[in-house]
PDB file of N, CA and C in Angstrom:
ATOM      1  N   MET A   1     -11.023 -10.935  -8.464  1.00  0.00           N
ATOM      2  CA  MET A   1      -9.798 -10.207  -8.803  1.00  0.00           C
ATOM      3  C   MET A   1      -9.989  -8.725  -8.521  1.00  0.00           C
ATOM      4  N   TRP A   2      -8.993  -8.137  -7.933  1.00  0.00           N
ATOM      5  CA  TRP A   2      -8.982  -6.711  -7.628  1.00  0.00           C
ATOM      6  C   TRP A   2      -8.045  -6.005  -8.603  1.00  0.00           C
ATOM      7  N   ASP A   3      -8.421  -4.825  -9.033  1.00  0.00           N
ATOM      8  CA  ASP A   3      -7.561  -4.001  -9.877  1.00  0.00           C
ATOM      9  C   ASP A   3      -6.742  -3.078  -8.986  1.00  0.00           C
ATOM     10  N   ILE A   4      -5.487  -2.878  -9.344  1.00  0.00           N
ATOM     11  CA  ILE A   4      -4.596  -2.009  -8.578  1.00  0.00           C
ATOM     12  C   ILE A   4      -4.206  -0.834  -9.459  1.00  0.00           C
ATOM     13  N   PHE A   5      -4.488   0.367  -8.985  1.00  0.00           N
ATOM     14  CA  PHE A   5      -4.112   1.588  -9.684  1.00  0.00           C
ATOM     15  C   PHE A   5      -3.015   2.265  -8.880  1.00  0.00           C
ATOM     16  N   GLU A   6      -1.869   2.507  -9.487  1.00  0.00           N
ATOM     17  CA  GLU A   6      -0.757   3.185  -8.816  1.00  0.00           C
ATOM     18  C   GLU A   6      -0.678   4.629  -9.280  1.00  0.00           C
ATOM     19  N   HIS A   7      -0.588   5.529  -8.332  1.00  0.00           N
ATOM     20  CA  HIS A   7      -0.393   6.933  -8.676  1.00  0.00           C
ATOM     21  C   HIS A   7       0.944   7.075  -9.398  1.00  0.00           C
ATOM     22  N   ARG A   8       1.062   8.054 -10.275  1.00  0.00           N
ATOM     23  CA  ARG A   8       2.288   8.170 -11.073  1.00  0.00           C
ATOM     24  C   ARG A   8       3.534   8.450 -10.228  1.00  0.00           C
ATOM     25  N   ARG A   9       3.367   9.057  -9.049  1.00  0.00           N
ATOM     26  CA  ARG A   9       4.533   9.309  -8.198  1.00  0.00           C
ATOM     27  C   ARG A   9       5.112   8.016  -7.617  1.00  0.00           C
ATOM     28  N   VAL A  10       4.296   6.948  -7.549  1.00  0.00           N
ATOM     29  CA  VAL A  10       4.769   5.667  -7.003  1.00  0.00           C
ATOM     30  C   VAL A  10       5.883   5.111  -7.882  1.00  0.00           C
ATOM     31  N   GLY A  11       5.789   5.299  -9.187  1.00  0.00           N
ATOM     32  CA  GLY A  11       6.838   4.833 -10.098  1.00  0.00           C
ATOM     33  C   GLY A  11       8.189   5.451  -9.786  1.00  0.00           C
ATOM     34  N   ARG A  12       8.190   6.728  -9.443  1.00  0.00           N
ATOM     35  CA  ARG A  12       9.444   7.400  -9.073  1.00  0.00           C
ATOM     36  C   ARG A  12       9.932   6.944  -7.702  1.00  0.00           C
ATOM     37  N   GLN A  13       8.992   6.715  -6.779  1.00  0.00           N
ATOM     38  CA  GLN A  13       9.373   6.295  -5.429  1.00  0.00           C
ATOM     39  C   GLN A  13       9.930   4.877  -5.415  1.00  0.00           C
ATOM     40  N   ILE A  14       9.449   4.038  -6.313  1.00  0.00           N
ATOM     41  CA  ILE A  14       9.946   2.666  -6.403  1.00  0.00           C
ATOM     42  C   ILE A  14      11.419   2.642  -6.785  1.00  0.00           C
ATOM     43  N   LYS A  15      11.828   3.571  -7.642  1.00  0.00           N
ATOM     44  CA  LYS A  15      13.222   3.607  -8.104  1.00  0.00           C
ATOM     45  C   LYS A  15      14.199   3.848  -6.967  1.00  0.00           C
ATOM     46  N   THR A  16      13.783   4.561  -5.924  1.00  0.00           N
ATOM     47  CA  THR A  16      14.682   4.886  -4.817  1.00  0.00           C
ATOM     48  C   THR A  16      14.562   3.919  -3.642  1.00  0.00           C
ATOM     49  N   ALA A  17      13.597   3.010  -3.692  1.00  0.00           N
ATOM     50  CA  ALA A  17      13.388   2.078  -2.586  1.00  0.00           C
ATOM     51  C   ALA A  17      14.397   0.933  -2.637  1.00  0.00           C
ATOM     52  N   PRO A  18      14.756   0.375  -1.483  1.00  0.00           N
ATOM     53  CA  PRO A  18      15.670  -0.783  -1.445  1.00  0.00           C
ATOM     54  C   PRO A  18      15.050  -2.017  -2.114  1.00  0.00           C
ATOM     55  N   ALA A  19      15.895  -2.934  -2.539  1.00  0.00           N
ATOM     56  CA  ALA A  19      15.454  -4.137  -3.248  1.00  0.00           C
ATOM     57  C   ALA A  19      14.503  -4.982  -2.401  1.00  0.00           C
ATOM     58  N   GLU A  20      14.769  -5.119  -1.118  1.00  0.00           N
ATOM     59  CA  GLU A  20      13.905  -5.919  -0.241  1.00  0.00           C
ATOM     60  C   GLU A  20      12.496  -5.320  -0.165  1.00  0.00           C
ATOM     61  N   VAL A  21      12.414  -4.008  -0.146  1.00  0.00           N
ATOM     62  CA  VAL A  21      11.111  -3.333  -0.112  1.00  0.00           C
ATOM     63  C   VAL A  21      10.366  -3.591  -1.423  1.00  0.00           C
ATOM     64  N   LEU A  22      11.086  -3.570  -2.530  1.00  0.00           N
ATOM     65  CA  LEU A  22      10.460  -3.828  -3.823  1.00  0.00           C
ATOM     66  C   LEU A  22       9.884  -5.244  -3.894  1.00  0.00           C
ATOM     67  N   LYS A  23      10.611  -6.215  -3.346  1.00  0.00           N
ATOM     68  CA  LYS A  23      10.128  -7.595  -3.329  1.00  0.00           C
ATOM     69  C   LYS A  23       8.849  -7.713  -2.513  1.00  0.00           C
ATOM     70  N   ARG A  24       8.836  -7.071  -1.336  1.00  0.00           N
ATOM     71  CA  ARG A  24       7.646  -7.121  -0.484  1.00  0.00           C
ATOM     72  C   ARG A  24       6.476  -6.370  -1.115  1.00  0.00           C
ATOM     73  N   TYR A  25       6.756  -5.294  -1.840  1.00  0.00           N
ATOM     74  CA  TYR A  25       5.698  -4.547  -2.523  1.00  0.00           C
ATOM     75  C   TYR A  25       5.069  -5.399  -3.624  1.00  0.00           C
ATOM     76  N   GLU A  26       5.895  -6.118  -4.379  1.00  0.00           N
ATOM     77  CA  GLU A  26       5.365  -7.001  -5.416  1.00  0.00           C
ATOM     78  C   GLU A  26       4.517  -8.115  -4.801  1.00  0.00           C
ATOM     79  N   LYS A  27       4.958  -8.676  -3.688  1.00  0.00           N
ATOM     80  CA  LYS A  27       4.187  -9.707  -2.983  1.00  0.00           C
ATOM     81  C   LYS A  27       2.875  -9.117  -2.467  1.00  0.00           C
ATOM     82  N   TRP A  28       2.918  -7.890  -1.934  1.00  0.00           N
ATOM     83  CA  TRP A  28       1.720  -7.201  -1.461  1.00  0.00           C
ATOM     84  C   TRP A  28       0.719  -7.024  -2.608  1.00  0.00           C
ATOM     85  N   LYS A  29       1.220  -6.617  -3.777  1.00  0.00           N
ATOM     86  CA  LYS A  29       0.339  -6.438  -4.939  1.00  0.00           C
ATOM     87  C   LYS A  29      -0.288  -7.764  -5.365  1.00  0.00           C
ATOM     88  N   ASP A  30       0.467  -8.852  -5.318  1.00  0.00           N
ATOM     89  CA  ASP A  30      -0.072 -10.170  -5.663  1.00  0.00           C
ATOM     90  C   ASP A  30      -1.220 -10.557  -4.724  1.00  0.00           C
ATOM     91  N   ILE A  31      -1.015 -10.339  -3.431  1.00  0.00           N
ATOM     92  CA  ILE A  31      -2.043 -10.688  -2.443  1.00  0.00           C
ATOM     93  C   ILE A  31      -3.276  -9.817  -2.642  1.00  0.00           C
ATOM     94  N   ILE A  32      -3.086  -8.523  -2.857  1.00  0.00           N
ATOM     95  CA  ILE A  32      -4.208  -7.605  -3.079  1.00  0.00           C
ATOM     96  C   ILE A  32      -4.984  -8.010  -4.333  1.00  0.00           C
ATOM     97  N   ALA A  33      -4.277  -8.340  -5.399  1.00  0.00           N
ATOM     98  CA  ALA A  33      -4.942  -8.689  -6.659  1.00  0.00           C
ATOM     99  C   ALA A  33      -5.801  -9.941  -6.508  1.00  0.00           C
ATOM    100  N   ILE A  34      -5.357 -10.890  -5.705  1.00  0.00           N
ATOM    101  CA  ILE A  34      -6.082 -12.149  -5.560  1.00  0.00           C
ATOM    102  C   ILE A  34      -7.203 -12.050  -4.528  1.00  0.00           C
ATOM    103  N   SER A  35      -6.888 -11.559  -3.327  1.00  0.00           N
ATOM    104  CA  SER A  35      -7.887 -11.605  -2.251  1.00  0.00           C
ATOM    105  C   SER A  35      -8.270 -10.244  -1.686  1.00  0.00           C
ATOM    106  N   GLY A  36      -7.732  -9.170  -2.217  1.00  0.00           N
ATOM    107  CA  GLY A  36      -8.117  -7.841  -1.767  1.00  0.00           C
ATOM    108  C   GLY A  36      -7.514  -7.472  -0.424  1.00  0.00           C
ATOM    109  N   PRO A  37      -7.958  -6.355   0.137  1.00  0.00           N
ATOM    110  CA  PRO A  37      -7.416  -5.876   1.412  1.00  0.00           C
ATOM    111  C   PRO A  37      -7.629  -6.847   2.572  1.00  0.00           C
ATOM    112  N   SER A  38      -8.686  -7.633   2.534  1.00  0.00           N
ATOM    113  CA  SER A  38      -8.909  -8.584   3.628  1.00  0.00           C
ATOM    114  C   SER A  38      -7.818  -9.648   3.666  1.00  0.00           C
ATOM    115  N   GLY A  39      -7.255  -9.997   2.513  1.00  0.00           N
ATOM    116  CA  GLY A  39      -6.156 -10.962   2.472  1.00  0.00           C
ATOM    117  C   GLY A  39      -4.885 -10.413   3.093  1.00  0.00           C
ATOM    118  N   VAL A  40      -4.618  -9.130   2.884  1.00  0.00           N
ATOM    119  CA  VAL A  40      -3.432  -8.499   3.466  1.00  0.00           C
ATOM    120  C   VAL A  40      -3.577  -8.383   4.978  1.00  0.00           C
ATOM    121  N   ARG A  41      -4.798  -8.113   5.453  1.00  0.00           N
ATOM    122  CA  ARG A  41      -5.027  -7.968   6.902  1.00  0.00           C
ATOM    123  C   ARG A  41      -4.771  -9.272   7.652  1.00  0.00           C
ATOM    124  N   LYS A  42      -4.924 -10.396   6.975  1.00  0.00           N
ATOM    125  CA  LYS A  42      -4.713 -11.694   7.621  1.00  0.00           C
ATOM    126  C   LYS A  42      -3.236 -12.001   7.837  1.00  0.00           C
ATOM    127  N   ILE A  43      -2.362 -11.358   7.094  1.00  0.00           N
ATOM    128  CA  ILE A  43      -0.926 -11.599   7.227  1.00  0.00           C
ATOM    129  C   ILE A  43      -0.356 -10.551   8.186  1.00  0.00           C
ATOM    130  N   LYS A  44       0.062 -10.988   9.362  1.00  0.00           N
ATOM    131  CA  LYS A  44       0.494 -10.076  10.417  1.00  0.00           C
ATOM    132  C   LYS A  44       1.741  -9.287  10.054  1.00  0.00           C
ATOM    133  N   GLY A  45       2.598  -9.812   9.199  1.00  0.00           N
ATOM    134  CA  GLY A  45       3.834  -9.127   8.836  1.00  0.00           C
ATOM    135  C   GLY A  45       3.615  -7.807   8.120  1.00  0.00           C
ATOM    136  N   PHE A  46       2.472  -7.658   7.435  1.00  0.00           N
ATOM    137  CA  PHE A  46       2.181  -6.411   6.737  1.00  0.00           C
ATOM    138  C   PHE A  46       1.628  -5.346   7.679  1.00  0.00           C
ATOM    139  N   ASN A  47       1.143  -5.743   8.856  1.00  0.00           N
ATOM    140  CA  ASN A  47       0.641  -4.806   9.859  1.00  0.00           C
ATOM    141  C   ASN A  47      -0.289  -3.772   9.222  1.00  0.00           C
ATOM    142  N   ASP A  48      -1.286  -4.245   8.497  1.00  0.00           N
ATOM    143  CA  ASP A  48      -2.223  -3.371   7.793  1.00  0.00           C
ATOM    144  C   ASP A  48      -3.132  -2.671   8.794  1.00  0.00           C
ATOM    145  N   GLU A  49      -3.280  -1.340   8.638  1.00  0.00           N
ATOM    146  CA  GLU A  49      -4.096  -0.575   9.578  1.00  0.00           C
ATOM    147  C   GLU A  49      -4.715   0.637   8.893  1.00  0.00           C
ATOM    148  N   ALA A  50      -5.836   1.085   9.457  1.00  0.00           N
ATOM    149  CA  ALA A  50      -6.486   2.303   8.985  1.00  0.00           C
ATOM    150  C   ALA A  50      -5.725   3.508   9.525  1.00  0.00           C
ATOM    151  N   LEU A  51      -5.682   4.578   8.742  1.00  0.00           N
ATOM    152  CA  LEU A  51      -4.992   5.791   9.156  1.00  0.00           C
ATOM    153  C   LEU A  51      -5.991   6.825   9.659  1.00  0.00           C
ATOM    154  N   LYS A  52      -5.495   7.814  10.399  1.00  0.00           N
ATOM    155  CA  LYS A  52      -6.337   8.855  11.002  1.00  0.00           C
ATOM    156  C   LYS A  52      -5.879  10.222  10.522  1.00  0.00           C
ATOM    157  N   GLY A  53      -6.627  11.233  10.900  1.00  0.00           N
ATOM    158  CA  GLY A  53      -6.247  12.613  10.595  1.00  0.00           C
ATOM    159  C   GLY A  53      -6.410  12.937   9.123  1.00  0.00           C
ATOM    160  N   GLU A  54      -5.390  13.562   8.544  1.00  0.00           N
ATOM    161  CA  GLU A  54      -5.438  13.947   7.132  1.00  0.00           C
ATOM    162  C   GLU A  54      -5.537  12.726   6.218  1.00  0.00           C
ATOM    163  N   TRP A  55      -5.071  11.583   6.687  1.00  0.00           N
ATOM    164  CA  TRP A  55      -5.079  10.358   5.879  1.00  0.00           C
ATOM    165  C   TRP A  55      -6.305   9.500   6.164  1.00  0.00           C
ATOM    166  N   LYS A  56      -7.356  10.085   6.714  1.00  0.00           N
ATOM    167  CA  LYS A  56      -8.580   9.337   6.999  1.00  0.00           C
ATOM    168  C   LYS A  56      -9.095   8.700   5.707  1.00  0.00           C
ATOM    169  N   LYS A  57      -9.654   7.512   5.807  1.00  0.00           N
ATOM    170  CA  LYS A  57     -10.153   6.685   4.695  1.00  0.00           C
ATOM    171  C   LYS A  57      -9.030   6.043   3.879  1.00  0.00           C
ATOM    172  N   HIS A  58      -7.785   6.146   4.338  1.00  0.00           N
ATOM    173  CA  HIS A  58      -6.659   5.462   3.705  1.00  0.00           C
ATOM    174  C   HIS A  58      -6.183   4.362   4.642  1.00  0.00           C
ATOM    175  N   ARG A  59      -5.447   3.409   4.101  1.00  0.00           N
ATOM    176  CA  ARG A  59      -4.872   2.325   4.889  1.00  0.00           C
ATOM    177  C   ARG A  59      -3.372   2.282   4.645  1.00  0.00           C
ATOM    178  N   SER A  60      -2.647   1.680   5.569  1.00  0.00           N
ATOM    179  CA  SER A  60      -1.201   1.569   5.478  1.00  0.00           C
ATOM    180  C   SER A  60      -0.800   0.119   5.714  1.00  0.00           C
ATOM    181  N   SER A  61       0.135  -0.378   4.898  1.00  0.00           N
ATOM    182  CA  SER A  61       0.713  -1.706   5.103  1.00  0.00           C
ATOM    183  C   SER A  61       2.216  -1.575   5.198  1.00  0.00           C
ATOM    184  N   ARG A  62       2.819  -2.315   6.109  1.00  0.00           N
ATOM    185  CA  ARG A  62       4.261  -2.260   6.329  1.00  0.00           C
ATOM    186  C   ARG A  62       4.983  -3.109   5.288  1.00  0.00           C
ATOM    187  N   LEU A  63       5.996  -2.507   4.669  1.00  0.00           N
ATOM    188  CA  LEU A  63       6.817  -3.235   3.697  1.00  0.00           C
ATOM    189  C   LEU A  63       8.209  -3.505   4.240  1.00  0.00           C
ATOM    190  N   GLY A  64       8.535  -2.966   5.360  1.00  0.00           N
ATOM    191  CA  GLY A  64       9.832  -3.134   6.005  1.00  0.00           C
ATOM    192  C   GLY A  64       9.794  -2.358   7.311  1.00  0.00           C
ATOM    193  N   LEU A  65      10.921  -2.229   7.964  1.00  0.00           N
ATOM    194  CA  LEU A  65      10.939  -1.475   9.212  1.00  0.00           C
ATOM    195  C   LEU A  65      10.572  -0.016   8.992  1.00  0.00           C
ATOM    196  N   GLN A  66      10.947   0.527   7.856  1.00  0.00           N
ATOM    197  CA  GLN A  66      10.732   1.945   7.606  1.00  0.00           C
ATOM    198  C   GLN A  66       9.657   2.209   6.552  1.00  0.00           C
ATOM    199  N   TYR A  67       9.570   1.408   5.515  1.00  0.00           N
ATOM    200  CA  TYR A  67       8.709   1.714   4.377  1.00  0.00           C
ATOM    201  C   TYR A  67       7.278   1.237   4.566  1.00  0.00           C
ATOM    202  N   ARG A  68       6.338   2.052   4.103  1.00  0.00           N
ATOM    203  CA  ARG A  68       4.914   1.741   4.120  1.00  0.00           C
ATOM    204  C   ARG A  68       4.336   1.988   2.737  1.00  0.00           C
ATOM    205  N   VAL A  69       3.290   1.251   2.396  1.00  0.00           N
ATOM    206  CA  VAL A  69       2.496   1.549   1.214  1.00  0.00           C
ATOM    207  C   VAL A  69       1.166   2.085   1.732  1.00  0.00           C
ATOM    208  N   ILE A  70       0.767   3.247   1.240  1.00  0.00           N
ATOM    209  CA  ILE A  70      -0.485   3.868   1.641  1.00  0.00           C
ATOM    210  C   ILE A  70      -1.450   3.729   0.473  1.00  0.00           C
ATOM    211  N   TYR A  71      -2.638   3.218   0.762  1.00  0.00           N
ATOM    212  CA  TYR A  71      -3.600   2.967  -0.296  1.00  0.00           C
ATOM    213  C   TYR A  71      -5.014   3.265   0.164  1.00  0.00           C
ATOM    214  N   LYS A  72      -5.913   3.343  -0.803  1.00  0.00           N
ATOM    215  CA  LYS A  72      -7.322   3.615  -0.545  1.00  0.00           C
ATOM    216  C   LYS A  72      -8.148   2.607  -1.332  1.00  0.00           C
ATOM    217  N   VAL A  73      -9.205   2.089  -0.728  1.00  0.00           N
ATOM    218  CA  VAL A  73     -10.069   1.120  -1.377  1.00  0.00           C
ATOM    219  C   VAL A  73     -11.329   1.827  -1.846  1.00  0.00           C
ATOM    220  N   ALA A  74     -11.630   1.722  -3.131  1.00  0.00           N
ATOM    221  CA  ALA A  74     -12.870   2.271  -3.688  1.00  0.00           C
ATOM    222  C   ALA A  74     -13.979   1.264  -3.447  1.00  0.00           C
ATOM    223  N   LYS A  75     -14.939   1.601  -2.610  1.00  0.00           N
ATOM    224  CA  LYS A  75     -15.989   0.665  -2.194  1.00  0.00           C
ATOM    225  C   LYS A  75     -16.899   0.251  -3.348  1.00  0.00           C
ATOM    226  N   GLU A  76     -17.235   1.192  -4.213  1.00  0.00           N
ATOM    227  CA  GLU A  76     -18.180   0.874  -5.271  1.00  0.00           C
ATOM    228  C   GLU A  76     -17.558   0.072  -6.405  1.00  0.00           C
ATOM    229  N   GLN A  77     -16.228  -0.020  -6.404  1.00  0.00           N
ATOM    230  CA  GLN A  77     -15.538  -0.787  -7.431  1.00  0.00           C
ATOM    231  C   GLN A  77     -14.595  -1.770  -6.759  1.00  0.00           C
ATOM    232  N   VAL A  78     -14.156  -2.740  -7.503  1.00  0.00           N
ATOM    233  CA  VAL A  78     -13.152  -3.666  -6.997  1.00  0.00           C
ATOM    234  C   VAL A  78     -11.801  -3.077  -7.403  1.00  0.00           C
ATOM    235  N   LEU A  79     -11.406  -2.023  -6.675  1.00  0.00           N
ATOM    236  CA  LEU A  79     -10.251  -1.218  -7.066  1.00  0.00           C
ATOM    237  C   LEU A  79      -9.468  -0.789  -5.833  1.00  0.00           C
ATOM    238  N   VAL A  80      -8.156  -0.922  -5.901  1.00  0.00           N
ATOM    239  CA  VAL A  80      -7.272  -0.425  -4.848  1.00  0.00           C
ATOM    240  C   VAL A  80      -6.392   0.650  -5.464  1.00  0.00           C
ATOM    241  N   GLN A  81      -6.408   1.841  -4.886  1.00  0.00           N
ATOM    242  CA  GLN A  81      -5.609   2.953  -5.387  1.00  0.00           C
ATOM    243  C   GLN A  81      -4.389   3.124  -4.485  1.00  0.00           C
ATOM    244  N   VAL A  82      -3.205   2.846  -5.011  1.00  0.00           N
ATOM    245  CA  VAL A  82      -1.973   3.041  -4.252  1.00  0.00           C
ATOM    246  C   VAL A  82      -1.606   4.511  -4.369  1.00  0.00           C
ATOM    247  N   VAL A  83      -1.588   5.211  -3.241  1.00  0.00           N
ATOM    248  CA  VAL A  83      -1.338   6.646  -3.219  1.00  0.00           C
ATOM    249  C   VAL A  83       0.151   6.935  -3.169  1.00  0.00           C
ATOM    250  N   THR A  84       0.868   6.237  -2.300  1.00  0.00           N
ATOM    251  CA  THR A  84       2.294   6.515  -2.148  1.00  0.00           C
ATOM    252  C   THR A  84       3.020   5.326  -1.540  1.00  0.00           C
ATOM    253  N   LEU A  85       4.297   5.267  -1.803  1.00  0.00           N
ATOM    254  CA  LEU A  85       5.210   4.303  -1.179  1.00  0.00           C
ATOM    255  C   LEU A  85       6.218   5.169  -0.452  1.00  0.00           C
ATOM    256  N   THR A  86       6.150   5.182   0.865  1.00  0.00           N
ATOM    257  CA  THR A  86       6.871   6.182   1.630  1.00  0.00           C
ATOM    258  C   THR A  86       7.737   5.587   2.722  1.00  0.00           C
ATOM    259  N   PRO A  87       8.847   6.259   3.040  1.00  0.00           N
ATOM    260  CA  PRO A  87       9.641   5.828   4.189  1.00  0.00           C
ATOM    261  C   PRO A  87       9.037   6.395   5.488  1.00  0.00           C
ATOM    262  N   HIS A  88       7.808   6.013   5.798  1.00  0.00           N
ATOM    263  CA  HIS A  88       7.108   6.315   7.038  1.00  0.00           C
ATOM    264  C   HIS A  88       6.957   7.808   7.302  1.00  0.00           C
ATOM    265  N   ASP A  89       6.509   8.560   6.300  1.00  0.00           N
ATOM    266  CA  ASP A  89       6.231   9.985   6.427  1.00  0.00           C
ATOM    267  C   ASP A  89       4.826  10.202   5.916  1.00  0.00           C
ATOM    268  N   TYR A  90       3.854  10.308   6.795  1.00  0.00           N
ATOM    269  CA  TYR A  90       2.454  10.346   6.403  1.00  0.00           C
ATOM    270  C   TYR A  90       1.930  11.734   6.092  1.00  0.00           C
ATOM    271  N   ARG A  91       2.768  12.723   6.131  1.00  0.00           N
ATOM    272  CA  ARG A  91       2.293  14.085   5.838  1.00  0.00           C
ATOM    273  C   ARG A  91       1.980  14.223   4.350  1.00  0.00           C
ATOM    274  N   ARG A  92       0.917  14.926   4.053  1.00  0.00           N
ATOM    275  CA  ARG A  92       0.577  15.200   2.647  1.00  0.00           C
ATOM    276  C   ARG A  92       1.510  16.261   2.123  1.00  0.00           C
ATOM    277  N   LYS A  93       1.824  16.170   0.830  1.00  0.00           N
ATOM    278  CA  LYS A  93       2.731  17.152   0.235  1.00  0.00           C
ATOM    279  C   LYS A  93       2.086  17.790  -0.950  1.00  0.00           C
TER     280      LYS A  93
END
């Protein structure tokens, strides 16, 4: 079992996301909790990939045509840190 930690800004971002994105995010969390990031990588629809540049050491999974969930895996722990749920804007703020 993997633990999922959501940054507090994710709670606010969820409120503005479309219902379909919320459903896919909940499904993504279920898969992560059971099999971790390797389970998400096996499902092609999530298009899970490593990020570059300022987002180095973070990963992105597709939740829809526009929305992505950006997360980081803590290697020393069985922990996934969800950084943001964004409409495809990877710039840090």
